[in-house]
Amino acid sequence: MNIFEYTFRMLEVHTKEGVYYQQAKISECLEKMRPYGFAMPHKSFVVNLDQVRGIKGYEITMMDGSVLPLSQKKGKAFREELNLFLAGRL
C-alpha cells in the first residue's frame, strides 16, 4: 500500500505488513520517496502513485479500498504527476 501520513508530529508508514511510526517531517519523506513514484496529494499524506486506483472529486481511492483526501491546492499538480507516472508505465 505504501502511504505516509503525518499526524501528531509523527510519520505513520502504512505498508502491507502493518503500520510503523517514525520521527520525521513529511516534506523530507516526499524528497526521499519522489524518485520511487511517490507524490503528495495533501499536506498530511505522501502516496505511492502505483497504488492509486482512481480520483473522484477531491478523494483518492487506493488499491486497498482506502480513501484519502486530495486538497484543492495540490489537486492539479497531483493529477498531472499521476498522469505522467501512468504514461511512463506504458
PDB file of N, CA and C in Angstrom:
ATOM      1  N   MET A   1       0.838  -1.186   0.000  1.00  0.00           N
ATOM      2  CA  MET A   1       0.000   0.000   0.000  1.00  0.00           C
ATOM      3  C   MET A   1       0.879   1.243   0.000  1.00  0.00           C
ATOM      4  N   ASN A   2       1.768   1.363   0.931  1.00  0.00           N
ATOM      5  CA  ASN A   2       2.729   2.452   0.987  1.00  0.00           C
ATOM      6  C   ASN A   2       2.118   3.847   1.007  1.00  0.00           C
ATOM      7  N   ILE A   3       1.605   4.201   2.147  1.00  0.00           N
ATOM      8  CA  ILE A   3       1.104   5.550   2.390  1.00  0.00           C
ATOM      9  C   ILE A   3       1.859   6.092   3.591  1.00  0.00           C
ATOM     10  N   PHE A   4       2.320   7.326   3.478  1.00  0.00           N
ATOM     11  CA  PHE A   4       2.939   8.004   4.603  1.00  0.00           C
ATOM     12  C   PHE A   4       1.947   9.060   5.076  1.00  0.00           C
ATOM     13  N   GLU A   5       1.645   9.045   6.361  1.00  0.00           N
ATOM     14  CA  GLU A   5       0.701  10.009   6.921  1.00  0.00           C
ATOM     15  C   GLU A   5       1.376  10.740   8.066  1.00  0.00           C
ATOM     16  N   TYR A   6       1.282  12.060   8.044  1.00  0.00           N
ATOM     17  CA  TYR A   6       1.871  12.874   9.104  1.00  0.00           C
ATOM     18  C   TYR A   6       0.776  13.243  10.088  1.00  0.00           C
ATOM     19  N   THR A   7       0.912  12.747  11.320  1.00  0.00           N
ATOM     20  CA  THR A   7      -0.086  13.023  12.340  1.00  0.00           C
ATOM     21  C   THR A   7       0.575  13.119  13.710  1.00  0.00           C
ATOM     22  N   PHE A   8       0.200  14.095  14.485  1.00  0.00           N
ATOM     23  CA  PHE A   8       0.751  14.309  15.822  1.00  0.00           C
ATOM     24  C   PHE A   8       2.286  14.342  15.816  1.00  0.00           C
ATOM     25  N   ARG A   9       2.839  15.048  14.833  1.00  0.00           N
ATOM     26  CA  ARG A   9       4.287  15.224  14.673  1.00  0.00           C
ATOM     27  C   ARG A   9       5.041  13.904  14.510  1.00  0.00           C
ATOM     28  N   MET A  10       4.345  12.913  14.029  1.00  0.00           N
ATOM     29  CA  MET A  10       4.949  11.609  13.758  1.00  0.00           C
ATOM     30  C   MET A  10       4.583  11.208  12.337  1.00  0.00           C
ATOM     31  N   LEU A  11       5.449  10.454  11.720  1.00  0.00           N
ATOM     32  CA  LEU A  11       5.196   9.937  10.390  1.00  0.00           C
ATOM     33  C   LEU A  11       4.731   8.493  10.528  1.00  0.00           C
ATOM     34  N   GLU A  12       3.503   8.225  10.090  1.00  0.00           N
ATOM     35  CA  GLU A  12       2.970   6.867  10.090  1.00  0.00           C
ATOM     36  C   GLU A  12       3.248   6.267   8.718  1.00  0.00           C
ATOM     37  N   VAL A  13       3.886   5.124   8.699  1.00  0.00           N
ATOM     38  CA  VAL A  13       4.205   4.451   7.445  1.00  0.00           C
ATOM     39  C   VAL A  13       3.278   3.248   7.335  1.00  0.00           C
ATOM     40  N   HIS A  14       2.332   3.304   6.389  1.00  0.00           N
ATOM     41  CA  HIS A  14       1.373   2.228   6.190  1.00  0.00           C
ATOM     42  C   HIS A  14       1.886   1.305   5.084  1.00  0.00           C
ATOM     43  N   THR A  15       2.117   0.052   5.432  1.00  0.00           N
ATOM     44  CA  THR A  15       2.580  -0.941   4.464  1.00  0.00           C
ATOM     45  C   THR A  15       1.651  -2.145   4.502  1.00  0.00           C
ATOM     46  N   LYS A  16       1.883  -3.098   3.629  1.00  0.00           N
ATOM     47  CA  LYS A  16       1.086  -4.332   3.636  1.00  0.00           C
ATOM     48  C   LYS A  16       1.300  -5.111   4.929  1.00  0.00           C
ATOM     49  N   GLU A  17       2.481  -4.990   5.505  1.00  0.00           N
ATOM     50  CA  GLU A  17       2.823  -5.736   6.714  1.00  0.00           C
ATOM     51  C   GLU A  17       2.284  -5.094   7.988  1.00  0.00           C
ATOM     52  N   GLY A  18       1.979  -3.797   7.943  1.00  0.00           N
ATOM     53  CA  GLY A  18       1.491  -3.117   9.135  1.00  0.00           C
ATOM     54  C   GLY A  18       1.789  -1.635   9.108  1.00  0.00           C
ATOM     55  N   VAL A  19       1.607  -1.001  10.259  1.00  0.00           N
ATOM     56  CA  VAL A  19       1.836   0.437  10.396  1.00  0.00           C
ATOM     57  C   VAL A  19       3.059   0.647  11.280  1.00  0.00           C
ATOM     58  N   TYR A  20       3.962   1.494  10.817  1.00  0.00           N
ATOM     59  CA  TYR A  20       5.180   1.804  11.560  1.00  0.00           C
ATOM     60  C   TYR A  20       5.225   3.301  11.814  1.00  0.00           C
ATOM     61  N   TYR A  21       5.892   3.699  12.886  1.00  0.00           N
ATOM     62  CA  TYR A  21       5.973   5.106  13.256  1.00  0.00           C
ATOM     63  C   TYR A  21       7.420   5.563  13.229  1.00  0.00           C
ATOM     64  N   GLN A  22       7.602   6.802  12.796  1.00  0.00           N
ATOM     65  CA  GLN A  22       8.947   7.350  12.675  1.00  0.00           C
ATOM     66  C   GLN A  22       8.894   8.837  12.987  1.00  0.00           C
ATOM     67  N   GLN A  23       9.929   9.340  13.612  1.00  0.00           N
ATOM     68  CA  GLN A  23      10.046  10.762  13.893  1.00  0.00           C
ATOM     69  C   GLN A  23      10.671  11.413  12.662  1.00  0.00           C
ATOM     70  N   ALA A  24       9.858  12.042  11.831  1.00  0.00           N
ATOM     71  CA  ALA A  24      10.359  12.677  10.610  1.00  0.00           C
ATOM     72  C   ALA A  24       9.337  13.681  10.097  1.00  0.00           C
ATOM     73  N   LYS A  25       9.783  14.539   9.195  1.00  0.00           N
ATOM     74  CA  LYS A  25       8.894  15.517   8.572  1.00  0.00           C
ATOM     75  C   LYS A  25       8.363  14.944   7.263  1.00  0.00           C
ATOM     76  N   ILE A  26       7.128  15.283   6.945  1.00  0.00           N
ATOM     77  CA  ILE A  26       6.504  14.775   5.716  1.00  0.00           C
ATOM     78  C   ILE A  26       7.220  15.322   4.486  1.00  0.00           C
ATOM     79  N   SER A  27       7.735  16.534   4.559  1.00  0.00           N
ATOM     80  CA  SER A  27       8.442  17.119   3.408  1.00  0.00           C
ATOM     81  C   SER A  27       9.732  16.354   3.115  1.00  0.00           C
ATOM     82  N   GLU A  28      10.431  15.926   4.161  1.00  0.00           N
ATOM     83  CA  GLU A  28      11.648  15.136   3.972  1.00  0.00           C
ATOM     84  C   GLU A  28      11.314  13.771   3.376  1.00  0.00           C
ATOM     85  N   CYS A  29      10.201  13.216   3.823  1.00  0.00           N
ATOM     86  CA  CYS A  29       9.745  11.927   3.289  1.00  0.00           C
ATOM     87  C   CYS A  29       9.478  12.045   1.789  1.00  0.00           C
ATOM     88  N   LEU A  30       8.797  13.113   1.382  1.00  0.00           N
ATOM     89  CA  LEU A  30       8.491  13.317  -0.035  1.00  0.00           C
ATOM     90  C   LEU A  30       9.770  13.436  -0.855  1.00  0.00           C
ATOM     91  N   GLU A  31      10.744  14.198  -0.359  1.00  0.00           N
ATOM     92  CA  GLU A  31      12.014  14.358  -1.080  1.00  0.00           C
ATOM     93  C   GLU A  31      12.697  13.011  -1.317  1.00  0.00           C
ATOM     94  N   LYS A  32      12.687  12.175  -0.293  1.00  0.00           N
ATOM     95  CA  LYS A  32      13.352  10.878  -0.399  1.00  0.00           C
ATOM     96  C   LYS A  32      12.578   9.890  -1.270  1.00  0.00           C
ATOM     97  N   MET A  33      11.259   9.954  -1.246  1.00  0.00           N
ATOM     98  CA  MET A  33      10.435   8.949  -1.915  1.00  0.00           C
ATOM     99  C   MET A  33       9.986   9.334  -3.328  1.00  0.00           C
ATOM    100  N   ARG A  34      10.057  10.606  -3.693  1.00  0.00           N
ATOM    101  CA  ARG A  34       9.607  11.042  -5.023  1.00  0.00           C
ATOM    102  C   ARG A  34      10.268  10.267  -6.168  1.00  0.00           C
ATOM    103  N   PRO A  35      11.572   9.982  -6.101  1.00  0.00           N
ATOM    104  CA  PRO A  35      12.191   9.212  -7.199  1.00  0.00           C
ATOM    105  C   PRO A  35      11.619   7.798  -7.357  1.00  0.00           C
ATOM    106  N   TYR A  36      10.916   7.319  -6.347  1.00  0.00           N
ATOM    107  CA  TYR A  36      10.350   5.963  -6.381  1.00  0.00           C
ATOM    108  C   TYR A  36       8.866   5.951  -6.726  1.00  0.00           C
ATOM    109  N   GLY A  37       8.335   7.068  -7.225  1.00  0.00           N
ATOM    110  CA  GLY A  37       6.942   7.122  -7.661  1.00  0.00           C
ATOM    111  C   GLY A  37       5.962   7.536  -6.581  1.00  0.00           C
ATOM    112  N   PHE A  38       6.389   8.377  -5.672  1.00  0.00           N
ATOM    113  CA  PHE A  38       5.510   8.873  -4.613  1.00  0.00           C
ATOM    114  C   PHE A  38       5.203  10.350  -4.850  1.00  0.00           C
ATOM    115  N   ALA A  39       4.025  10.784  -4.398  1.00  0.00           N
ATOM    116  CA  ALA A  39       3.622  12.181  -4.559  1.00  0.00           C
ATOM    117  C   ALA A  39       2.776  12.602  -3.357  1.00  0.00           C
ATOM    118  N   MET A  40       2.577  13.913  -3.209  1.00  0.00           N
ATOM    119  CA  MET A  40       1.849  14.463  -2.065  1.00  0.00           C
ATOM    120  C   MET A  40       0.505  15.059  -2.516  1.00  0.00           C
ATOM    121  N   PRO A  41      -0.605  14.373  -2.221  1.00  0.00           N
ATOM    122  CA  PRO A  41      -1.916  14.885  -2.601  1.00  0.00           C
ATOM    123  C   PRO A  41      -2.530  15.837  -1.570  1.00  0.00           C
ATOM    124  N   HIS A  42      -1.940  15.884  -0.387  1.00  0.00           N
ATOM    125  CA  HIS A  42      -2.481  16.633   0.743  1.00  0.00           C
ATOM    126  C   HIS A  42      -1.317  16.905   1.689  1.00  0.00           C
ATOM    127  N   LYS A  43      -1.397  17.942   2.478  1.00  0.00           N
ATOM    128  CA  LYS A  43      -0.267  18.300   3.340  1.00  0.00           C
ATOM    129  C   LYS A  43       0.088  17.228   4.364  1.00  0.00           C
ATOM    130  N   SER A  44      -0.795  16.270   4.589  1.00  0.00           N
ATOM    131  CA  SER A  44      -0.545  15.227   5.582  1.00  0.00           C
ATOM    132  C   SER A  44      -0.259  13.855   4.992  1.00  0.00           C
ATOM    133  N   PHE A  45      -0.199  13.744   3.668  1.00  0.00           N
ATOM    134  CA  PHE A  45      -0.028  12.426   3.045  1.00  0.00           C
ATOM    135  C   PHE A  45       1.008  12.433   1.928  1.00  0.00           C
ATOM    136  N   VAL A  46       1.716  11.321   1.801  1.00  0.00           N
ATOM    137  CA  VAL A  46       2.563  11.021   0.647  1.00  0.00           C
ATOM    138  C   VAL A  46       2.152   9.620   0.228  1.00  0.00           C
ATOM    139  N   VAL A  47       1.792   9.455  -1.048  1.00  0.00           N
ATOM    140  CA  VAL A  47       1.268   8.162  -1.504  1.00  0.00           C
ATOM    141  C   VAL A  47       2.076   7.580  -2.657  1.00  0.00           C
ATOM    142  N   ASN A  48       2.026   6.268  -2.760  1.00  0.00           N
ATOM    143  CA  ASN A  48       2.645   5.534  -3.854  1.00  0.00           C
ATOM    144  C   ASN A  48       1.705   5.654  -5.057  1.00  0.00           C
ATOM    145  N   LEU A  49       2.145   6.307  -6.120  1.00  0.00           N
ATOM    146  CA  LEU A  49       1.288   6.519  -7.293  1.00  0.00           C
ATOM    147  C   LEU A  49       0.868   5.203  -7.946  1.00  0.00           C
ATOM    148  N   ASP A  50       1.661   4.178  -7.772  1.00  0.00           N
ATOM    149  CA  ASP A  50       1.347   2.873  -8.333  1.00  0.00           C
ATOM    150  C   ASP A  50       0.150   2.222  -7.634  1.00  0.00           C
ATOM    151  N   GLN A  51      -0.195   2.720  -6.460  1.00  0.00           N
ATOM    152  CA  GLN A  51      -1.293   2.148  -5.684  1.00  0.00           C
ATOM    153  C   GLN A  51      -2.585   2.964  -5.765  1.00  0.00           C
ATOM    154  N   VAL A  52      -2.599   4.003  -6.593  1.00  0.00           N
ATOM    155  CA  VAL A  52      -3.800   4.826  -6.758  1.00  0.00           C
ATOM    156  C   VAL A  52      -4.740   4.135  -7.740  1.00  0.00           C
ATOM    157  N   ARG A  53      -5.952   3.846  -7.283  1.00  0.00           N
ATOM    158  CA  ARG A  53      -6.953   3.220  -8.149  1.00  0.00           C
ATOM    159  C   ARG A  53      -7.675   4.280  -8.971  1.00  0.00           C
ATOM    160  N   GLY A  54      -7.991   5.406  -8.339  1.00  0.00           N
ATOM    161  CA  GLY A  54      -8.689   6.458  -9.067  1.00  0.00           C
ATOM    162  C   GLY A  54      -8.907   7.695  -8.222  1.00  0.00           C
ATOM    163  N   ILE A  55      -9.327   8.764  -8.889  1.00  0.00           N
ATOM    164  CA  ILE A  55      -9.628  10.030  -8.224  1.00  0.00           C
ATOM    165  C   ILE A  55     -11.028  10.445  -8.640  1.00  0.00           C
ATOM    166  N   LYS A  56     -11.829  10.784  -7.653  1.00  0.00           N
ATOM    167  CA  LYS A  56     -13.177  11.290  -7.927  1.00  0.00           C
ATOM    168  C   LYS A  56     -13.366  12.523  -7.063  1.00  0.00           C
ATOM    169  N   GLY A  57     -13.517  13.657  -7.733  1.00  0.00           N
ATOM    170  CA  GLY A  57     -13.633  14.911  -6.990  1.00  0.00           C
ATOM    171  C   GLY A  57     -12.346  15.175  -6.234  1.00  0.00           C
ATOM    172  N   TYR A  58     -12.468  15.279  -4.924  1.00  0.00           N
ATOM    173  CA  TYR A  58     -11.296  15.506  -4.086  1.00  0.00           C
ATOM    174  C   TYR A  58     -11.040  14.331  -3.157  1.00  0.00           C
ATOM    175  N   GLU A  59     -11.273  13.130  -3.682  1.00  0.00           N
ATOM    176  CA  GLU A  59     -10.985  11.907  -2.946  1.00  0.00           C
ATOM    177  C   GLU A  59     -10.161  10.958  -3.822  1.00  0.00           C
ATOM    178  N   ILE A  60      -9.138  10.373  -3.213  1.00  0.00           N
ATOM    179  CA  ILE A  60      -8.282   9.416  -3.900  1.00  0.00           C
ATOM    180  C   ILE A  60      -8.610   8.035  -3.358  1.00  0.00           C
ATOM    181  N   THR A  61      -8.938   7.111  -4.235  1.00  0.00           N
ATOM    182  CA  THR A  61      -9.172   5.734  -3.822  1.00  0.00           C
ATOM    183  C   THR A  61      -7.924   4.926  -4.121  1.00  0.00           C
ATOM    184  N   MET A  62      -7.449   4.248  -3.094  1.00  0.00           N
ATOM    185  CA  MET A  62      -6.244   3.434  -3.224  1.00  0.00           C
ATOM    186  C   MET A  62      -6.644   2.002  -3.593  1.00  0.00           C
ATOM    187  N   MET A  63      -5.679   1.209  -4.033  1.00  0.00           N
ATOM    188  CA  MET A  63      -5.926  -0.170  -4.460  1.00  0.00           C
ATOM    189  C   MET A  63      -6.528  -1.027  -3.349  1.00  0.00           C
ATOM    190  N   ASP A  64      -6.217  -0.714  -2.096  1.00  0.00           N
ATOM    191  CA  ASP A  64      -6.751  -1.497  -0.983  1.00  0.00           C
ATOM    192  C   ASP A  64      -8.139  -1.037  -0.549  1.00  0.00           C
ATOM    193  N   GLY A  65      -8.678  -0.003  -1.232  1.00  0.00           N
ATOM    194  CA  GLY A  65     -10.007   0.491  -0.925  1.00  0.00           C
ATOM    195  C   GLY A  65     -10.038   1.692   0.004  1.00  0.00           C
ATOM    196  N   SER A  66      -8.906   2.043   0.590  1.00  0.00           N
ATOM    197  CA  SER A  66      -8.890   3.207   1.473  1.00  0.00           C
ATOM    198  C   SER A  66      -9.062   4.480   0.643  1.00  0.00           C
ATOM    199  N   VAL A  67      -9.646   5.485   1.268  1.00  0.00           N
ATOM    200  CA  VAL A  67      -9.919   6.760   0.605  1.00  0.00           C
ATOM    201  C   VAL A  67      -9.151   7.859   1.331  1.00  0.00           C
ATOM    202  N   LEU A  68      -8.396   8.637   0.563  1.00  0.00           N
ATOM    203  CA  LEU A  68      -7.587   9.723   1.110  1.00  0.00           C
ATOM    204  C   LEU A  68      -8.038  11.043   0.519  1.00  0.00           C
ATOM    205  N   PRO A  69      -7.827  12.135   1.246  1.00  0.00           N
ATOM    206  CA  PRO A  69      -8.219  13.446   0.723  1.00  0.00           C
ATOM    207  C   PRO A  69      -7.231  13.961  -0.322  1.00  0.00           C
ATOM    208  N   LEU A  70      -7.757  14.702  -1.287  1.00  0.00           N
ATOM    209  CA  LEU A  70      -6.950  15.419  -2.266  1.00  0.00           C
ATOM    210  C   LEU A  70      -7.249  16.894  -2.053  1.00  0.00           C
ATOM    211  N   SER A  71      -6.263  17.655  -1.636  1.00  0.00           N
ATOM    212  CA  SER A  71      -6.519  19.065  -1.357  1.00  0.00           C
ATOM    213  C   SER A  71      -6.734  19.840  -2.651  1.00  0.00           C
ATOM    214  N   GLN A  72      -7.539  20.873  -2.569  1.00  0.00           N
ATOM    215  CA  GLN A  72      -7.788  21.708  -3.742  1.00  0.00           C
ATOM    216  C   GLN A  72      -6.494  22.375  -4.191  1.00  0.00           C
ATOM    217  N   LYS A  73      -5.690  22.781  -3.224  1.00  0.00           N
ATOM    218  CA  LYS A  73      -4.439  23.478  -3.516  1.00  0.00           C
ATOM    219  C   LYS A  73      -3.458  22.585  -4.285  1.00  0.00           C
ATOM    220  N   LYS A  74      -3.383  21.303  -3.938  1.00  0.00           N
ATOM    221  CA  LYS A  74      -2.440  20.390  -4.562  1.00  0.00           C
ATOM    222  C   LYS A  74      -3.078  19.525  -5.650  1.00  0.00           C
ATOM    223  N   GLY A  75      -4.371  19.673  -5.854  1.00  0.00           N
ATOM    224  CA  GLY A  75      -5.107  18.811  -6.765  1.00  0.00           C
ATOM    225  C   GLY A  75      -4.580  18.771  -8.189  1.00  0.00           C
ATOM    226  N   LYS A  76      -4.389  19.929  -8.791  1.00  0.00           N
ATOM    227  CA  LYS A  76      -3.949  19.985 -10.188  1.00  0.00           C
ATOM    228  C   LYS A  76      -2.561  19.361 -10.361  1.00  0.00           C
ATOM    229  N   ALA A  77      -1.624  19.743  -9.485  1.00  0.00           N
ATOM    230  CA  ALA A  77      -0.260  19.226  -9.581  1.00  0.00           C
ATOM    231  C   ALA A  77      -0.228  17.717  -9.346  1.00  0.00           C
ATOM    232  N   PHE A  78      -1.035  17.231  -8.400  1.00  0.00           N
ATOM    233  CA  PHE A  78      -1.062  15.795  -8.117  1.00  0.00           C
ATOM    234  C   PHE A  78      -1.609  15.019  -9.313  1.00  0.00           C
ATOM    235  N   ARG A  79      -2.673  15.522  -9.911  1.00  0.00           N
ATOM    236  CA  ARG A  79      -3.264  14.844 -11.086  1.00  0.00           C
ATOM    237  C   ARG A  79      -2.257  14.790 -12.239  1.00  0.00           C
ATOM    238  N   GLU A  80      -1.528  15.883 -12.453  1.00  0.00           N
ATOM    239  CA  GLU A  80      -0.515  15.915 -13.516  1.00  0.00           C
ATOM    240  C   GLU A  80       0.604  14.915 -13.224  1.00  0.00           C
ATOM    241  N   GLU A  81       1.031  14.865 -11.964  1.00  0.00           N
ATOM    242  CA  GLU A  81       2.089  13.930 -11.574  1.00  0.00           C
ATOM    243  C   GLU A  81       1.629  12.484 -11.766  1.00  0.00           C
ATOM    244  N   LEU A  82       0.384  12.203 -11.413  1.00  0.00           N
ATOM    245  CA  LEU A  82      -0.172  10.861 -11.589  1.00  0.00           C
ATOM    246  C   LEU A  82      -0.254  10.503 -13.073  1.00  0.00           C
ATOM    247  N   ASN A  83      -0.703  11.429 -13.895  1.00  0.00           N
ATOM    248  CA  ASN A  83      -0.796  11.171 -15.340  1.00  0.00           C
ATOM    249  C   ASN A  83       0.575  10.901 -15.961  1.00  0.00           C
ATOM    250  N   LEU A  84       1.581  11.674 -15.566  1.00  0.00           N
ATOM    251  CA  LEU A  84       2.936  11.454 -16.060  1.00  0.00           C
ATOM    252  C   LEU A  84       3.470  10.089 -15.610  1.00  0.00           C
ATOM    253  N   PHE A  85       3.172   9.735 -14.386  1.00  0.00           N
ATOM    254  CA  PHE A  85       3.606   8.438 -13.845  1.00  0.00           C
ATOM    255  C   PHE A  85       2.963   7.303 -14.642  1.00  0.00           C
ATOM    256  N   LEU A  86       1.654   7.401 -14.870  1.00  0.00           N
ATOM    257  CA  LEU A  86       0.939   6.351 -15.592  1.00  0.00           C
ATOM    258  C   LEU A  86       1.391   6.278 -17.057  1.00  0.00           C
ATOM    259  N   ALA A  87       1.672   7.426 -17.665  1.00  0.00           N
ATOM    260  CA  ALA A  87       2.148   7.433 -19.052  1.00  0.00           C
ATOM    261  C   ALA A  87       3.516   6.767 -19.164  1.00  0.00           C
ATOM    262  N   GLY A  88       4.334   6.927 -18.137  1.00  0.00           N
ATOM    263  CA  GLY A  88       5.656   6.328 -18.139  1.00  0.00           C
ATOM    264  C   GLY A  88       5.632   4.826 -17.985  1.00  0.00           C
ATOM    265  N   ARG A  89       4.525   4.276 -17.521  1.00  0.00           N
ATOM    266  CA  ARG A  89       4.401   2.832 -17.329  1.00  0.00           C
ATOM    267  C   ARG A  89       3.958   2.112 -18.583  1.00  0.00           C
ATOM    268  N   LEU A  90       3.512   2.864 -19.586  1.00  0.00           N
ATOM    269  CA  LEU A  90       3.014   2.226 -20.819  1.00  0.00           C
ATOM    270  C   LEU A  90       4.130   1.705 -21.684  1.00  0.00           C
TER     271      LEU A  90
END
